[in-house]
N, C-alpha and C. Protein backbone atom coordinates (compact mmCIF):
# COMPACT_ATOMS: atom_id res chain seq x y z
N MET A 1 0.72 -1.33 0.09
CA MET A 1 0.26 0.18 -0.01
C MET A 1 0.61 1.23 -0.03
N TYR A 2 0.95 2.16 -0.87
CA TYR A 2 1.74 3.26 -1.19
C TYR A 2 0.69 4.31 -0.11
N LEU A 3 1.94 5.14 0.80
CA LEU A 3 1.21 6.02 2.02
C LEU A 3 1.43 7.30 1.21
N ILE A 4 0.54 8.20 1.50
CA ILE A 4 0.97 9.66 1.05
C ILE A 4 1.36 10.95 2.00
N PRO A 5 2.61 11.19 1.61
CA PRO A 5 3.24 11.66 2.33
C PRO A 5 2.56 13.10 3.11
N THR A 6 2.72 13.19 4.40
CA THR A 6 2.46 14.26 5.24
C THR A 6 3.84 15.70 5.50
N VAL A 7 3.43 16.64 5.11
CA VAL A 7 3.97 17.88 4.97
C VAL A 7 3.71 18.77 6.63
N ILE A 8 4.67 19.13 7.35
CA ILE A 8 4.16 20.01 8.36
C ILE A 8 4.91 21.01 8.74
N GLU A 9 4.16 21.88 8.74
CA GLU A 9 4.49 23.55 8.53
C GLU A 9 4.51 24.03 9.89
N LYS A 10 5.24 24.65 10.14
CA LYS A 10 5.39 25.70 11.10
C LYS A 10 4.87 27.37 11.62
N SER A 11 4.24 27.94 11.77
CA SER A 11 4.09 29.38 12.28
C SER A 11 4.04 29.67 13.43
N GLN A 12 3.25 31.10 13.45
CA GLN A 12 3.25 31.68 14.91
C GLN A 12 2.38 30.86 15.82
N PHE A 13 1.07 30.14 14.73
CA PHE A 13 -0.17 29.81 15.31
C PHE A 13 0.56 28.46 15.97
N GLY A 14 1.87 27.50 15.55
CA GLY A 14 1.94 26.54 15.84
C GLY A 14 2.11 25.52 14.85
N GLU A 15 1.52 24.18 14.98
CA GLU A 15 2.14 23.31 13.88
C GLU A 15 0.97 23.11 13.11
N ARG A 16 1.09 22.73 11.81
CA ARG A 16 -0.29 22.04 10.83
C ARG A 16 0.55 21.25 9.84
N ALA A 17 -0.66 19.84 10.06
CA ALA A 17 -0.18 18.92 8.92
C ALA A 17 -0.91 18.59 7.85
N TYR A 18 -0.18 18.78 6.37
CA TYR A 18 -1.03 18.55 5.46
C TYR A 18 -0.84 17.14 4.64
N ASP A 19 -1.72 16.40 4.07
CA ASP A 19 -1.03 15.79 3.20
C ASP A 19 -0.61 16.69 1.55
N ILE A 20 0.25 15.84 1.24
CA ILE A 20 1.22 17.05 -0.33
C ILE A 20 0.44 16.74 -0.78
N TYR A 21 -1.16 16.37 -1.41
CA TYR A 21 -1.69 17.61 -2.13
C TYR A 21 -2.34 18.42 -1.79
N SER A 22 -2.55 18.42 -0.35
CA SER A 22 -3.03 20.01 -0.16
C SER A 22 -2.30 20.74 -0.17
N ARG A 23 -1.16 20.50 0.25
CA ARG A 23 0.12 21.41 0.62
C ARG A 23 0.43 22.09 -0.97
N LEU A 24 0.13 20.89 -2.05
CA LEU A 24 0.61 21.75 -3.46
C LEU A 24 -0.80 22.55 -3.94
N LEU A 25 -1.86 21.96 -3.33
CA LEU A 25 -3.22 23.18 -3.90
C LEU A 25 -2.90 24.61 -3.05
N LYS A 26 -2.63 24.55 -2.24
CA LYS A 26 -1.65 25.91 -1.60
C LYS A 26 -0.80 26.50 -2.61
N GLU A 27 -0.04 26.00 -3.34
CA GLU A 27 0.40 26.70 -4.25
C GLU A 27 0.05 26.87 -6.06
N ARG A 28 -1.27 26.09 -6.02
CA ARG A 28 -2.72 26.34 -6.77
C ARG A 28 -1.81 25.15 -7.55
N ILE A 29 -1.13 23.56 -7.11
CA ILE A 29 -1.11 22.84 -8.61
C ILE A 29 -2.03 22.24 -8.27
N VAL A 30 -2.43 21.30 -9.12
CA VAL A 30 -3.55 20.28 -8.99
C VAL A 30 -2.46 18.91 -9.80
N PHE A 31 -3.00 17.95 -9.14
CA PHE A 31 -2.08 16.93 -9.84
C PHE A 31 -2.95 15.46 -10.25
N LEU A 32 -3.01 14.94 -11.77
CA LEU A 32 -3.93 14.04 -12.00
C LEU A 32 -2.93 12.97 -12.55
N GLY A 33 -2.72 12.17 -11.26
CA GLY A 33 -1.66 10.95 -11.37
C GLY A 33 -2.57 9.62 -11.73
N GLY A 34 -2.13 8.68 -12.78
CA GLY A 34 -3.25 7.31 -12.38
C GLY A 34 -4.66 7.40 -13.59
N ALA A 35 -5.32 6.76 -13.54
CA ALA A 35 -6.48 6.69 -14.64
C ALA A 35 -7.39 7.54 -13.72
N ILE A 36 -8.60 8.00 -15.15
CA ILE A 36 -9.48 8.88 -15.01
C ILE A 36 -10.49 8.30 -14.83
N THR A 37 -11.20 8.37 -13.08
CA THR A 37 -12.68 7.61 -13.28
C THR A 37 -13.18 8.74 -12.50
N ASP A 38 -14.52 8.31 -12.40
CA ASP A 38 -15.59 9.26 -11.69
C ASP A 38 -14.92 10.10 -10.45
N PRO A 39 -14.55 9.21 -9.91
CA PRO A 39 -13.79 9.67 -8.13
C PRO A 39 -12.84 10.66 -8.53
N VAL A 40 -12.26 10.41 -9.29
CA VAL A 40 -10.63 11.37 -9.53
C VAL A 40 -11.01 12.34 -10.41
N ALA A 41 -11.97 12.56 -11.22
CA ALA A 41 -12.40 13.35 -12.06
C ALA A 41 -13.28 14.24 -11.01
N ASN A 42 -13.98 14.12 -10.37
CA ASN A 42 -14.49 14.87 -8.96
C ASN A 42 -13.94 15.71 -8.41
N THR A 43 -12.74 14.99 -8.06
CA THR A 43 -11.32 15.63 -6.92
C THR A 43 -10.91 16.67 -8.28
N VAL A 44 -10.20 16.10 -9.05
CA VAL A 44 -9.64 17.30 -9.69
C VAL A 44 -10.42 18.75 -10.06
N ILE A 45 -11.91 18.22 -10.81
CA ILE A 45 -12.58 19.58 -10.99
C ILE A 45 -12.96 20.22 -9.35
N ALA A 46 -13.21 19.31 -8.56
CA ALA A 46 -13.15 20.05 -7.22
C ALA A 46 -12.36 21.45 -6.77
N GLN A 47 -11.31 20.94 -6.96
CA GLN A 47 -10.16 21.12 -6.65
C GLN A 47 -10.15 23.05 -7.86
N MET A 48 -10.04 22.39 -9.20
CA MET A 48 -9.81 23.27 -9.31
C MET A 48 -11.03 24.77 -9.88
N LEU A 49 -12.32 24.16 -9.37
CA LEU A 49 -13.15 25.35 -9.17
C LEU A 49 -12.72 25.83 -7.38
N PHE A 50 -12.19 25.70 -6.65
CA PHE A 50 -11.93 26.12 -5.46
C PHE A 50 -10.79 27.02 -5.70
N LEU A 51 -9.61 26.53 -6.49
CA LEU A 51 -8.65 27.77 -6.76
C LEU A 51 -9.53 28.74 -7.82
N GLU A 52 -10.33 28.91 -8.45
CA GLU A 52 -11.09 29.62 -9.11
C GLU A 52 -11.67 30.73 -8.12
N SER A 53 -12.27 30.04 -7.47
CA SER A 53 -12.80 30.99 -6.15
C SER A 53 -12.08 31.74 -6.03
N GLN A 54 -10.80 30.84 -4.91
CA GLN A 54 -10.10 31.73 -4.40
C GLN A 54 -9.22 32.81 -4.84
N ASP A 55 -9.10 33.20 -6.40
CA ASP A 55 -8.49 34.01 -6.89
C ASP A 55 -8.40 33.37 -8.33
N ASP A 56 -9.21 34.73 -9.37
CA ASP A 56 -9.60 34.10 -10.75
C ASP A 56 -8.58 34.52 -11.65
N THR A 57 -7.54 35.67 -10.99
CA THR A 57 -6.46 35.24 -11.93
C THR A 57 -5.31 35.25 -12.01
N LYS A 58 -4.95 34.01 -11.31
CA LYS A 58 -4.25 33.70 -11.15
C LYS A 58 -4.47 31.99 -11.80
N PRO A 59 -3.29 31.46 -12.62
CA PRO A 59 -3.53 29.97 -13.23
C PRO A 59 -3.40 29.16 -12.34
N VAL A 60 -3.90 27.67 -12.97
CA VAL A 60 -4.01 26.64 -12.22
C VAL A 60 -3.08 25.45 -12.94
N TYR A 61 -2.09 24.94 -12.14
CA TYR A 61 -0.93 23.82 -12.85
C TYR A 61 -1.90 22.75 -12.48
N LEU A 62 -1.77 22.26 -13.68
CA LEU A 62 -2.16 20.48 -13.52
C LEU A 62 -1.16 19.86 -14.06
N TYR A 63 -1.11 19.05 -13.26
CA TYR A 63 -0.02 18.08 -13.71
C TYR A 63 -0.62 16.86 -13.86
N LEU A 64 -0.07 16.04 -14.93
CA LEU A 64 -0.47 15.15 -15.39
C LEU A 64 0.49 13.54 -15.85
N ASN A 65 0.34 12.87 -15.38
CA ASN A 65 0.82 11.41 -15.34
C ASN A 65 -0.22 10.08 -15.14
N SER A 66 -0.78 10.48 -16.33
CA SER A 66 -2.00 9.58 -16.90
C SER A 66 -1.95 8.89 -17.98
N PRO A 67 -3.04 7.60 -18.36
CA PRO A 67 -2.82 6.76 -19.24
C PRO A 67 -4.08 6.98 -19.80
N GLY A 68 -4.71 8.16 -18.76
CA GLY A 68 -6.42 8.05 -19.64
C GLY A 68 -7.03 7.31 -18.87
N GLY A 69 -8.39 7.13 -19.10
CA GLY A 69 -9.30 6.16 -18.55
C GLY A 69 -10.74 7.17 -19.16
N VAL A 70 -11.81 6.90 -18.30
CA VAL A 70 -13.52 7.09 -18.64
C VAL A 70 -13.63 8.22 -19.27
N VAL A 71 -14.26 8.13 -20.47
CA VAL A 71 -13.96 9.06 -21.29
C VAL A 71 -15.36 10.50 -21.06
N THR A 72 -16.09 9.84 -20.36
CA THR A 72 -16.93 10.74 -19.52
C THR A 72 -16.63 11.72 -18.35
N SER A 73 -15.92 11.20 -17.78
CA SER A 73 -14.96 11.53 -16.81
C SER A 73 -13.57 12.76 -17.03
N THR A 74 -13.20 12.12 -18.28
CA THR A 74 -12.13 13.55 -18.78
C THR A 74 -12.61 14.04 -19.70
N LEU A 75 -14.16 14.01 -20.07
CA LEU A 75 -14.35 15.56 -20.78
C LEU A 75 -15.50 16.15 -19.34
N ALA A 76 -15.79 15.68 -18.24
CA ALA A 76 -15.97 16.81 -17.22
C ALA A 76 -15.35 17.71 -17.11
N ILE A 77 -13.67 16.36 -17.20
CA ILE A 77 -12.57 17.78 -16.41
C ILE A 77 -11.90 18.69 -17.25
N TYR A 78 -12.32 18.30 -18.98
CA TYR A 78 -11.82 19.26 -20.15
C TYR A 78 -13.14 20.21 -19.85
N ASP A 79 -14.74 20.23 -19.51
CA ASP A 79 -15.34 20.66 -19.88
C ASP A 79 -14.81 21.96 -18.75
N THR A 80 -14.59 21.41 -17.35
CA THR A 80 -14.44 22.42 -16.49
C THR A 80 -13.12 23.51 -16.37
N MET A 81 -12.28 22.76 -17.38
CA MET A 81 -11.01 23.68 -17.77
C MET A 81 -11.31 24.92 -18.57
N GLN A 82 -12.60 24.24 -19.32
CA GLN A 82 -12.80 25.47 -20.28
C GLN A 82 -13.57 26.61 -20.19
N TYR A 83 -14.27 25.98 -18.83
CA TYR A 83 -15.17 26.70 -18.27
C TYR A 83 -14.81 27.96 -17.02
N LEU A 84 -13.46 27.22 -16.82
CA LEU A 84 -12.70 28.60 -15.83
C LEU A 84 -12.46 29.71 -16.30
N LYS A 85 -12.25 30.91 -15.47
CA LYS A 85 -12.13 32.30 -15.53
C LYS A 85 -10.70 32.76 -15.74
N CYS A 86 -10.09 31.67 -15.18
CA CYS A 86 -8.58 31.46 -14.79
C CYS A 86 -7.83 30.64 -15.67
N GLU A 87 -6.69 31.11 -16.36
CA GLU A 87 -5.96 30.03 -16.90
C GLU A 87 -5.35 28.69 -16.83
N VAL A 88 -5.07 27.60 -17.07
CA VAL A 88 -5.00 26.09 -16.77
C VAL A 88 -3.69 25.72 -17.50
N ALA A 89 -2.62 25.86 -16.95
CA ALA A 89 -1.36 25.64 -17.41
C ALA A 89 -1.41 24.12 -17.09
N THR A 90 -0.94 23.53 -18.47
CA THR A 90 -0.82 21.72 -18.39
C THR A 90 0.13 21.48 -17.99
N ILE A 91 0.84 20.45 -17.81
CA ILE A 91 2.47 19.74 -17.55
C ILE A 91 2.34 18.35 -17.39
N CYS A 92 3.30 17.76 -18.37
CA CYS A 92 2.83 16.57 -18.50
C CYS A 92 4.44 16.17 -18.18
N ILE A 93 4.19 15.23 -17.29
CA ILE A 93 5.41 14.40 -16.07
C ILE A 93 5.32 12.88 -16.57
N GLY A 94 6.06 12.17 -16.68
CA GLY A 94 5.83 10.50 -17.07
C GLY A 94 5.12 10.56 -18.58
N VAL A 95 3.64 10.08 -18.43
CA VAL A 95 3.22 10.09 -19.59
C VAL A 95 1.67 10.86 -19.93
N ALA A 96 1.16 10.73 -20.95
CA ALA A 96 0.03 11.41 -20.94
C ALA A 96 -0.92 10.71 -22.29
N ALA A 97 -1.98 9.76 -21.45
CA ALA A 97 -1.94 9.22 -23.19
C ALA A 97 -3.43 9.03 -22.96
N SER A 98 -4.09 8.82 -24.18
CA SER A 98 -5.53 8.50 -24.51
C SER A 98 -6.26 9.98 -23.84
N GLY A 99 -7.36 10.28 -22.92
CA GLY A 99 -8.02 11.33 -22.34
C GLY A 99 -7.06 12.17 -22.27
N ALA A 100 -5.48 11.59 -21.05
CA ALA A 100 -4.75 12.70 -20.67
C ALA A 100 -4.51 13.57 -21.67
N ALA A 101 -4.53 12.78 -22.63
CA ALA A 101 -3.50 13.73 -23.54
C ALA A 101 -3.81 14.58 -24.08
N ILE A 102 -5.48 14.94 -24.38
CA ILE A 102 -6.81 15.80 -24.55
C ILE A 102 -6.47 16.60 -24.01
N LEU A 103 -6.58 16.54 -22.05
CA LEU A 103 -6.77 17.66 -21.43
C LEU A 103 -5.31 18.38 -21.59
N LEU A 104 -4.45 17.45 -21.56
CA LEU A 104 -2.73 18.28 -21.66
C LEU A 104 -2.79 19.07 -22.75
N ALA A 105 -3.67 19.04 -23.83
CA ALA A 105 -3.40 19.50 -25.12
C ALA A 105 -4.60 20.94 -24.91
N ALA A 106 -5.49 20.97 -24.16
CA ALA A 106 -6.37 21.61 -23.85
C ALA A 106 -6.14 23.01 -22.89
N GLY A 107 -4.74 22.80 -22.64
CA GLY A 107 -4.46 23.91 -21.60
C GLY A 107 -4.60 25.00 -22.42
N THR A 108 -4.18 26.16 -21.41
CA THR A 108 -4.20 27.59 -21.91
C THR A 108 -3.30 27.70 -23.07
N LYS A 109 -3.38 28.31 -24.22
CA LYS A 109 -2.34 28.22 -25.25
C LYS A 109 -0.85 28.96 -24.63
N GLY A 110 0.20 28.33 -25.01
CA GLY A 110 1.37 29.21 -24.59
C GLY A 110 1.76 28.42 -23.19
N LYS A 111 0.87 27.87 -22.65
CA LYS A 111 1.28 27.24 -20.77
C LYS A 111 0.75 25.48 -20.78
N ARG A 112 1.41 25.40 -22.24
CA ARG A 112 1.28 23.54 -22.19
C ARG A 112 2.82 23.20 -22.31
N TYR A 113 3.08 22.20 -21.09
CA TYR A 113 4.72 22.17 -20.76
C TYR A 113 4.70 20.61 -21.21
N ALA A 114 6.01 20.16 -21.35
CA ALA A 114 6.15 18.41 -21.15
C ALA A 114 7.81 18.48 -20.80
N LEU A 115 8.07 17.81 -19.73
CA LEU A 115 9.22 17.27 -19.22
C LEU A 115 10.15 16.76 -20.87
N PRO A 116 11.37 16.20 -20.55
CA PRO A 116 11.81 16.02 -21.79
C PRO A 116 12.04 14.31 -21.94
N ASN A 117 11.32 13.70 -21.09
CA ASN A 117 11.27 11.73 -20.90
C ASN A 117 9.71 11.79 -21.24
N ALA A 118 9.24 12.87 -21.00
CA ALA A 118 7.39 12.75 -20.90
C ALA A 118 7.27 11.51 -22.54
N GLU A 119 5.86 10.92 -22.47
CA GLU A 119 5.39 10.69 -23.70
C GLU A 119 4.60 10.78 -23.89
N VAL A 120 3.42 11.13 -25.01
CA VAL A 120 2.46 11.63 -25.18
C VAL A 120 2.12 10.29 -26.00
N MET A 121 0.38 9.63 -25.75
CA MET A 121 -0.07 8.24 -27.20
C MET A 121 -1.75 8.80 -27.01
N ILE A 122 -2.01 9.19 -28.29
CA ILE A 122 -3.36 9.51 -29.13
C ILE A 122 -4.08 8.09 -29.39
N HIS A 123 -5.31 7.59 -29.09
CA HIS A 123 -5.95 6.44 -30.03
C HIS A 123 -7.13 6.75 -30.31
N GLN A 124 -7.89 6.31 -30.75
CA GLN A 124 -9.26 6.03 -30.61
C GLN A 124 -9.77 5.43 -29.68
N VAL A 125 -11.10 6.00 -29.48
CA VAL A 125 -11.73 5.44 -28.57
C VAL A 125 -12.17 4.28 -28.49
N MET A 126 -12.10 3.55 -27.03
CA MET A 126 -12.13 1.90 -26.69
C MET A 126 -13.69 1.85 -26.04
N GLY A 127 -13.95 0.54 -26.42
CA GLY A 127 -15.71 0.36 -26.10
C GLY A 127 -15.84 -0.96 -25.98
N GLY A 128 -17.12 -2.03 -26.03
CA GLY A 128 -17.62 -2.74 -26.10
C GLY A 128 -18.86 -3.16 -25.75
N ALA A 129 -19.76 -3.91 -26.08
CA ALA A 129 -20.99 -4.37 -26.02
C ALA A 129 -21.61 -5.31 -25.72
N GLU A 130 -22.76 -5.90 -25.11
CA GLU A 130 -23.19 -7.24 -25.34
C GLU A 130 -24.92 -6.97 -25.32
N GLY A 131 -25.46 -7.78 -25.68
CA GLY A 131 -26.96 -8.04 -25.49
C GLY A 131 -27.25 -8.56 -27.23
N GLN A 132 -28.58 -7.57 -27.28
CA GLN A 132 -29.07 -7.87 -28.52
C GLN A 132 -28.89 -6.81 -29.57
N ALA A 133 -28.92 -7.51 -30.91
CA ALA A 133 -28.58 -7.06 -32.06
C ALA A 133 -28.74 -5.42 -31.88
N VAL A 134 -30.11 -4.91 -31.54
CA VAL A 134 -30.35 -3.57 -31.63
C VAL A 134 -29.31 -2.59 -30.70
N GLU A 135 -28.98 -3.30 -29.49
CA GLU A 135 -28.50 -2.86 -28.32
C GLU A 135 -26.79 -2.14 -28.63
N ILE A 136 -26.71 -3.69 -29.28
CA ILE A 136 -25.06 -3.24 -29.80
C ILE A 136 -25.15 -2.40 -30.94
N ALA A 137 -25.99 -1.75 -32.14
CA ALA A 137 -25.90 -1.65 -32.82
C ALA A 137 -26.14 0.20 -31.97
N ILE A 138 -26.65 0.38 -31.16
CA ILE A 138 -26.61 2.05 -30.44
C ILE A 138 -25.36 1.96 -30.10
N GLU A 139 -24.76 1.53 -29.22
CA GLU A 139 -23.80 1.37 -28.49
C GLU A 139 -22.55 1.53 -29.60
N ALA A 140 -22.79 0.68 -30.44
CA ALA A 140 -21.50 0.98 -31.88
C ALA A 140 -21.56 2.39 -32.30
N ASP A 141 -23.23 2.81 -32.54
CA ASP A 141 -23.09 4.89 -32.96
C ASP A 141 -22.71 5.28 -31.88
N HIS A 142 -22.45 4.87 -30.77
CA HIS A 142 -22.63 6.14 -29.78
C HIS A 142 -20.89 5.95 -29.43
N ILE A 143 -20.57 4.91 -29.58
CA ILE A 143 -18.90 4.90 -29.98
C ILE A 143 -18.11 5.63 -30.81
N ILE A 144 -18.74 5.42 -32.08
CA ILE A 144 -18.61 6.52 -33.09
C ILE A 144 -18.76 8.13 -33.28
N ARG A 145 -19.79 8.08 -32.06
CA ARG A 145 -20.00 9.85 -31.90
C ARG A 145 -19.05 10.31 -31.00
N ILE A 146 -18.90 9.19 -29.97
CA ILE A 146 -17.64 9.78 -29.04
C ILE A 146 -16.34 9.99 -29.56
N LYS A 147 -15.52 9.39 -30.63
CA LYS A 147 -14.57 9.34 -31.65
C LYS A 147 -14.65 10.28 -32.27
N GLN A 148 -15.71 10.61 -33.04
CA GLN A 148 -15.52 12.05 -33.70
C GLN A 148 -15.66 13.11 -32.77
N LYS A 149 -15.99 13.49 -32.07
CA LYS A 149 -15.87 14.30 -30.90
C LYS A 149 -14.61 14.43 -30.00
N LEU A 150 -14.07 13.36 -29.93
CA LEU A 150 -12.67 13.16 -29.34
C LEU A 150 -11.52 13.95 -30.29
N ASN A 151 -11.81 13.22 -31.58
CA ASN A 151 -11.29 13.58 -32.42
C ASN A 151 -10.80 15.25 -32.86
N GLN A 152 -12.38 15.98 -32.86
CA GLN A 152 -12.43 17.18 -32.93
C GLN A 152 -11.98 18.04 -32.01
N LEU A 153 -12.11 17.15 -30.83
CA LEU A 153 -11.14 18.43 -29.81
C LEU A 153 -9.79 18.34 -30.18
N LEU A 154 -9.20 17.27 -30.30
CA LEU A 154 -7.80 17.18 -30.49
C LEU A 154 -7.55 18.18 -31.67
N SER A 155 -8.01 18.22 -32.91
CA SER A 155 -8.01 18.65 -34.17
C SER A 155 -7.71 20.79 -33.17
N LYS A 156 -9.28 20.88 -32.67
CA LYS A 156 -8.75 22.04 -32.36
C LYS A 156 -7.76 22.71 -31.52
N HIS A 157 -7.39 21.80 -30.70
CA HIS A 157 -6.29 22.53 -29.39
C HIS A 157 -5.05 22.34 -30.16
N THR A 158 -5.03 21.31 -31.43
CA THR A 158 -3.52 21.02 -31.69
C THR A 158 -3.17 21.74 -32.91
N GLY A 159 -4.21 22.07 -33.82
CA GLY A 159 -4.40 22.70 -34.71
C GLY A 159 -3.92 21.78 -36.35
N GLN A 160 -4.16 20.34 -35.90
CA GLN A 160 -3.78 19.56 -37.15
C GLN A 160 -5.19 19.88 -37.78
N ALA A 161 -5.27 18.99 -38.54
CA ALA A 161 -6.22 18.70 -39.70
C ALA A 161 -7.19 17.56 -39.01
N LEU A 162 -8.48 17.90 -38.84
CA LEU A 162 -8.94 16.31 -38.46
C LEU A 162 -8.94 15.03 -39.17
N ALA A 163 -8.35 15.42 -40.56
CA ALA A 163 -7.92 14.11 -41.17
C ALA A 163 -7.07 13.16 -40.81
N LYS A 164 -5.85 14.28 -40.63
CA LYS A 164 -4.81 13.33 -39.96
C LYS A 164 -4.91 13.39 -38.62
N ILE A 165 -5.56 14.01 -37.85
CA ILE A 165 -6.13 13.31 -36.51
C ILE A 165 -7.03 11.99 -36.20
N GLU A 166 -7.66 11.69 -37.52
CA GLU A 166 -8.40 10.44 -37.39
C GLU A 166 -6.98 9.31 -38.20
N LYS A 167 -6.22 9.48 -39.29
CA LYS A 167 -5.30 8.56 -39.23
C LYS A 167 -4.67 8.10 -38.54
N ASP A 168 -4.17 9.46 -37.47
CA ASP A 168 -3.25 9.12 -36.83
C ASP A 168 -3.87 8.51 -35.38
N THR A 169 -4.81 8.17 -35.12
CA THR A 169 -5.50 8.08 -33.72
C THR A 169 -6.13 6.17 -34.38
N ASP A 170 -6.04 6.02 -35.53
CA ASP A 170 -6.42 5.25 -35.97
C ASP A 170 -5.85 3.50 -35.16
N ARG A 171 -4.66 3.80 -34.94
CA ARG A 171 -3.98 2.99 -34.26
C ARG A 171 -3.20 3.59 -32.47
N ASN A 172 -3.03 3.16 -31.72
CA ASN A 172 -1.72 4.34 -30.80
C ASN A 172 -0.82 4.54 -31.29
N PHE A 173 -1.08 6.25 -31.55
CA PHE A 173 0.06 6.85 -31.59
C PHE A 173 1.06 7.61 -30.77
N TYR A 174 2.27 6.94 -30.42
CA TYR A 174 2.95 7.62 -29.20
C TYR A 174 3.96 8.91 -29.82
N MET A 175 4.14 9.29 -28.98
CA MET A 175 5.06 10.71 -29.51
C MET A 175 6.09 10.92 -27.96
N SER A 176 7.14 11.59 -28.67
CA SER A 176 8.38 11.75 -27.22
C SER A 176 7.56 13.04 -26.88
N ALA A 177 7.66 13.92 -25.80
CA ALA A 177 8.01 15.03 -25.39
C ALA A 177 8.43 16.26 -26.86
N GLU A 178 9.12 16.25 -27.92
CA GLU A 178 9.68 16.77 -29.03
C GLU A 178 8.22 16.82 -29.88
N GLU A 179 8.05 15.53 -29.97
CA GLU A 179 7.27 15.36 -31.22
C GLU A 179 5.67 15.86 -30.73
N ALA A 180 5.42 15.57 -29.71
CA ALA A 180 4.03 16.14 -29.05
C ALA A 180 4.03 17.81 -29.01
N ARG A 181 5.49 18.63 -29.17
CA ARG A 181 5.09 19.95 -29.34
C ARG A 181 5.81 20.13 -31.03
N ALA A 182 6.22 19.47 -31.69
CA ALA A 182 5.72 19.65 -32.86
C ALA A 182 4.78 19.46 -33.58
N TYR A 183 3.76 18.61 -33.02
CA TYR A 183 2.12 18.21 -32.79
C TYR A 183 1.32 19.42 -32.91
N GLY A 184 1.67 19.85 -31.74
CA GLY A 184 0.61 21.02 -31.38
C GLY A 184 0.16 20.54 -30.18
N ILE A 185 0.92 19.27 -29.03
CA ILE A 185 -0.24 19.24 -28.11
C ILE A 185 0.56 19.98 -26.87
N VAL A 186 1.77 20.15 -26.87
CA VAL A 186 2.31 21.08 -25.94
C VAL A 186 2.77 22.64 -26.65
N ASP A 187 3.08 23.41 -25.88
CA ASP A 187 4.13 24.48 -26.37
C ASP A 187 5.58 24.35 -26.18
N GLU A 188 5.95 24.03 -25.07
CA GLU A 188 6.89 23.90 -24.81
C GLU A 188 7.91 22.73 -23.88
N VAL A 189 8.96 22.03 -24.64
CA VAL A 189 9.65 21.11 -23.60
C VAL A 189 10.97 21.93 -22.64
N PHE A 190 10.96 21.68 -21.42
CA PHE A 190 11.73 22.60 -20.54
C PHE A 190 12.17 21.43 -19.67
N SER A 191 13.57 21.37 -19.24
CA SER A 191 14.78 20.87 -18.97
C SER A 191 14.61 20.99 -16.88
N VAL A 192 14.55 19.27 -16.77
CA VAL A 192 14.52 19.49 -15.32
C VAL A 192 15.98 20.37 -15.03
N LYS A 193 16.81 20.19 -15.66
CA LYS A 193 17.91 20.83 -14.84
C LYS A 193 17.52 22.26 -14.38
N HIS A 194 16.84 23.09 -15.05
CA HIS A 194 16.48 24.43 -14.36
C HIS A 194 15.62 24.28 -13.17
N LYS A 195 16.01 24.00 -11.90
CA LYS A 195 14.59 24.07 -11.02
C LYS A 195 14.05 25.10 -10.97
N SER A 196 14.93 26.23 -10.65
CA SER A 196 14.48 27.14 -11.07
C SER A 196 12.76 28.36 -11.67
N ARG A 197 12.87 26.84 -12.83
CA ARG A 197 11.41 27.04 -13.41
C ARG A 197 10.33 26.59 -12.87
N PHE A 198 10.36 25.58 -11.54
CA PHE A 198 9.49 25.02 -10.91
C PHE A 198 9.56 25.98 -9.81
N LYS A 199 10.82 26.43 -9.61
CA LYS A 199 10.19 27.37 -8.07
C LYS A 199 9.65 28.71 -8.60
N ALA A 200 9.78 29.02 -9.60
CA ALA A 200 8.58 30.22 -10.47
C ALA A 200 7.49 30.13 -10.83
N SER A 201 7.23 28.66 -10.52
CA SER A 201 5.71 28.18 -11.44
C SER A 201 4.67 28.95 -10.80
N ARG A 202 4.64 29.58 -9.01
CA ARG A 202 3.61 30.12 -8.42
C ARG A 202 3.53 31.03 -9.15
N ALA A 203 3.88 32.29 -9.89
CA ALA A 203 4.16 33.59 -10.31
C ALA A 203 3.68 33.51 -11.50
N ASN A 204 4.83 32.54 -12.04
CA ASN A 204 4.86 33.06 -13.94
C ASN A 204 4.83 31.77 -14.74
N GLY A 205 4.18 30.21 -14.11
CA GLY A 205 4.48 29.03 -14.64
C GLY A 205 5.68 28.44 -14.93
N PRO A 206 5.78 27.65 -15.42
CA PRO A 206 6.77 25.95 -15.24
C PRO A 206 8.60 27.21 -15.91
N ASN A 207 8.41 27.89 -16.91
CA ASN A 207 9.19 28.22 -17.87
C ASN A 207 9.59 29.88 -17.11
N GLY A 208 8.94 30.43 -15.94
CA GLY A 208 9.44 31.46 -15.51
C GLY A 208 9.42 32.32 -16.27
N GLY A 209 8.19 32.43 -17.38
CA GLY A 209 7.82 33.94 -18.23
C GLY A 209 6.18 33.76 -18.35
């Protein structure tokens, strides 16, 4: 079982303990790690809405290390990102695959980042159906409509032609961080050697500008 670290801060009022994610939230950092499920999406959405209510002039920093997950959960996060008044900077560490790649691309233009060894993967939506023939046909039609919607979102945020998105997502399409930048999913790949970039994220974004 993985234990979530606790951070203890001292002040004139005494000591206060935070789990690491709550402490990061104070810096306007939301961490999305693991598969995107309804509970995960609800938590991410709640954090982003809270940060906007605190100050809608400062950006939210969404760190992604996720293989993707449930489409409706992913789209719930996506719609919230588009709804927020504040900017949403997205940073890929590790991997952003499937729906997580869409969230990465959906960040505020100019504020979408990846670490040098991060990977991005896009593909078509997967699903299954069972039951009577008419029920299977209904589900198949639904999957096709979802596929079209996701491809349109990728085209919108990357600037790639819809026909190219459809071709590339026909099978698993892997990209390095630099390839994701060239594709239009991220705007910049930054080096972890520049630690000051992380320190400056609270005010200026991961690249200090």
